[in-house]
């Protein structure tokens, strides 16, 4: 599984799980290249604002 985001006009990998990384996928790689490496790659949209909000809630809980 990878998360995708934008780097200017390019769609890029913003995060990848251990298995995806073991297959050669790296953060910053274009999504098209990642899909060429792994045919059935599971891609989700990154949501940095929601991630930051979730981390903030975790900090307040602990």
C-alpha atoms as a PDB file:
ATOM      1  CA  UNK A   1       0.000   0.000   0.000  1.00  0.00           C
ATOM      2  CA  UNK A   2       1.158   3.531  -0.746  1.00  0.00           C
ATOM      3  CA  UNK A   3      -0.164   7.014  -0.202  1.00  0.00           C
ATOM      4  CA  UNK A   4      -0.100   9.451  -3.099  1.00  0.00           C
ATOM      5  CA  UNK A   5       0.181  13.193  -3.135  1.00  0.00           C
ATOM      6  CA  UNK A   6       1.404  15.951  -5.406  1.00  0.00           C
ATOM      7  CA  UNK A   7       4.808  17.428  -6.041  1.00  0.00           C
ATOM      8  CA  UNK A   8       3.880  20.331  -8.232  1.00  0.00           C
ATOM      9  CA  UNK A   9       2.039  18.736 -11.153  1.00  0.00           C
ATOM     10  CA  UNK A  10       3.440  15.238 -10.560  1.00  0.00           C
ATOM     11  CA  UNK A  11       1.579  12.543  -8.619  1.00  0.00           C
ATOM     12  CA  UNK A  12       4.115  10.916  -6.288  1.00  0.00           C
ATOM     13  CA  UNK A  13       4.363   8.359  -3.513  1.00  0.00           C
ATOM     14  CA  UNK A  14       4.270  10.184  -0.167  1.00  0.00           C
ATOM     15  CA  UNK A  15       4.391   7.058   2.041  1.00  0.00           C
ATOM     16  CA  UNK A  16       4.812   3.321   1.482  1.00  0.00           C
ATOM     17  CA  UNK A  17       4.383   0.323   3.742  1.00  0.00           C
ATOM     18  CA  UNK A  18       7.226  -2.131   4.372  1.00  0.00           C
ATOM     19  CA  UNK A  19       6.035  -4.571   1.708  1.00  0.00           C
ATOM     20  CA  UNK A  20       5.815  -1.881  -0.991  1.00  0.00           C
ATOM     21  CA  UNK A  21       9.308  -0.671  -0.074  1.00  0.00           C
ATOM     22  CA  UNK A  22      10.605  -4.244  -0.296  1.00  0.00           C
ATOM     23  CA  UNK A  23       9.329  -4.286  -3.902  1.00  0.00           C
ATOM     24  CA  UNK A  24      11.382  -1.209  -4.785  1.00  0.00           C
ATOM     25  CA  UNK A  25       8.861   1.563  -4.202  1.00  0.00           C
ATOM     26  CA  UNK A  26      10.244   4.709  -2.586  1.00  0.00           C
ATOM     27  CA  UNK A  27       8.825   7.974  -1.287  1.00  0.00           C
ATOM     28  CA  UNK A  28       9.033  10.609  -4.013  1.00  0.00           C
ATOM     29  CA  UNK A  29       8.725   8.058  -6.828  1.00  0.00           C
ATOM     30  CA  UNK A  30       6.156   8.938  -9.490  1.00  0.00           C
ATOM     31  CA  UNK A  31       2.924   6.955  -9.030  1.00  0.00           C
ATOM     32  CA  UNK A  32       3.109   5.733 -12.652  1.00  0.00           C
ATOM     33  CA  UNK A  33       6.512   4.166 -11.993  1.00  0.00           C
ATOM     34  CA  UNK A  34       5.287   2.573  -8.753  1.00  0.00           C
ATOM     35  CA  UNK A  35       2.318   1.082 -10.624  1.00  0.00           C
ATOM     36  CA  UNK A  36       4.670  -0.274 -13.284  1.00  0.00           C
ATOM     37  CA  UNK A  37       6.698  -2.032 -10.575  1.00  0.00           C
ATOM     38  CA  UNK A  38       3.670  -3.476  -8.737  1.00  0.00           C
ATOM     39  CA  UNK A  39       0.714  -4.286 -10.950  1.00  0.00           C
ATOM     40  CA  UNK A  40      -1.941  -4.540  -8.200  1.00  0.00           C
ATOM     41  CA  UNK A  41      -0.596  -1.754  -5.980  1.00  0.00           C
ATOM     42  CA  UNK A  42      -3.128  -0.389  -3.473  1.00  0.00           C
ATOM     43  CA  UNK A  43      -2.995   3.431  -3.666  1.00  0.00           C
ATOM     44  CA  UNK A  44      -4.741   5.808  -1.277  1.00  0.00           C
ATOM     45  CA  UNK A  45      -4.835   9.604  -1.315  1.00  0.00           C
ATOM     46  CA  UNK A  46      -2.606  11.200   1.300  1.00  0.00           C
ATOM     47  CA  UNK A  47      -4.350  13.616   3.635  1.00  0.00           C
ATOM     48  CA  UNK A  48      -1.674  15.537   5.566  1.00  0.00           C
ATOM     49  CA  UNK A  49      -4.195  17.820   7.306  1.00  0.00           C
ATOM     50  CA  UNK A  50      -6.162  14.862   8.688  1.00  0.00           C
ATOM     51  CA  UNK A  51      -2.921  13.145   9.744  1.00  0.00           C
ATOM     52  CA  UNK A  52      -1.816  16.244  11.632  1.00  0.00           C
ATOM     53  CA  UNK A  53      -5.228  16.525  13.280  1.00  0.00           C
ATOM     54  CA  UNK A  54      -5.087  12.858  14.335  1.00  0.00           C
ATOM     55  CA  UNK A  55      -1.605  13.264  15.784  1.00  0.00           C
ATOM     56  CA  UNK A  56      -2.785  16.322  17.705  1.00  0.00           C
ATOM     57  CA  UNK A  57      -5.654  14.323  19.206  1.00  0.00           C
ATOM     58  CA  UNK A  58      -3.264  11.545  20.223  1.00  0.00           C
ATOM     59  CA  UNK A  59      -1.018  14.035  21.982  1.00  0.00           C
ATOM     60  CA  UNK A  60      -3.971  15.502  23.904  1.00  0.00           C
ATOM     61  CA  UNK A  61      -5.177  12.035  24.937  1.00  0.00           C
ATOM     62  CA  UNK A  62      -1.839  10.930  26.332  1.00  0.00           C
END
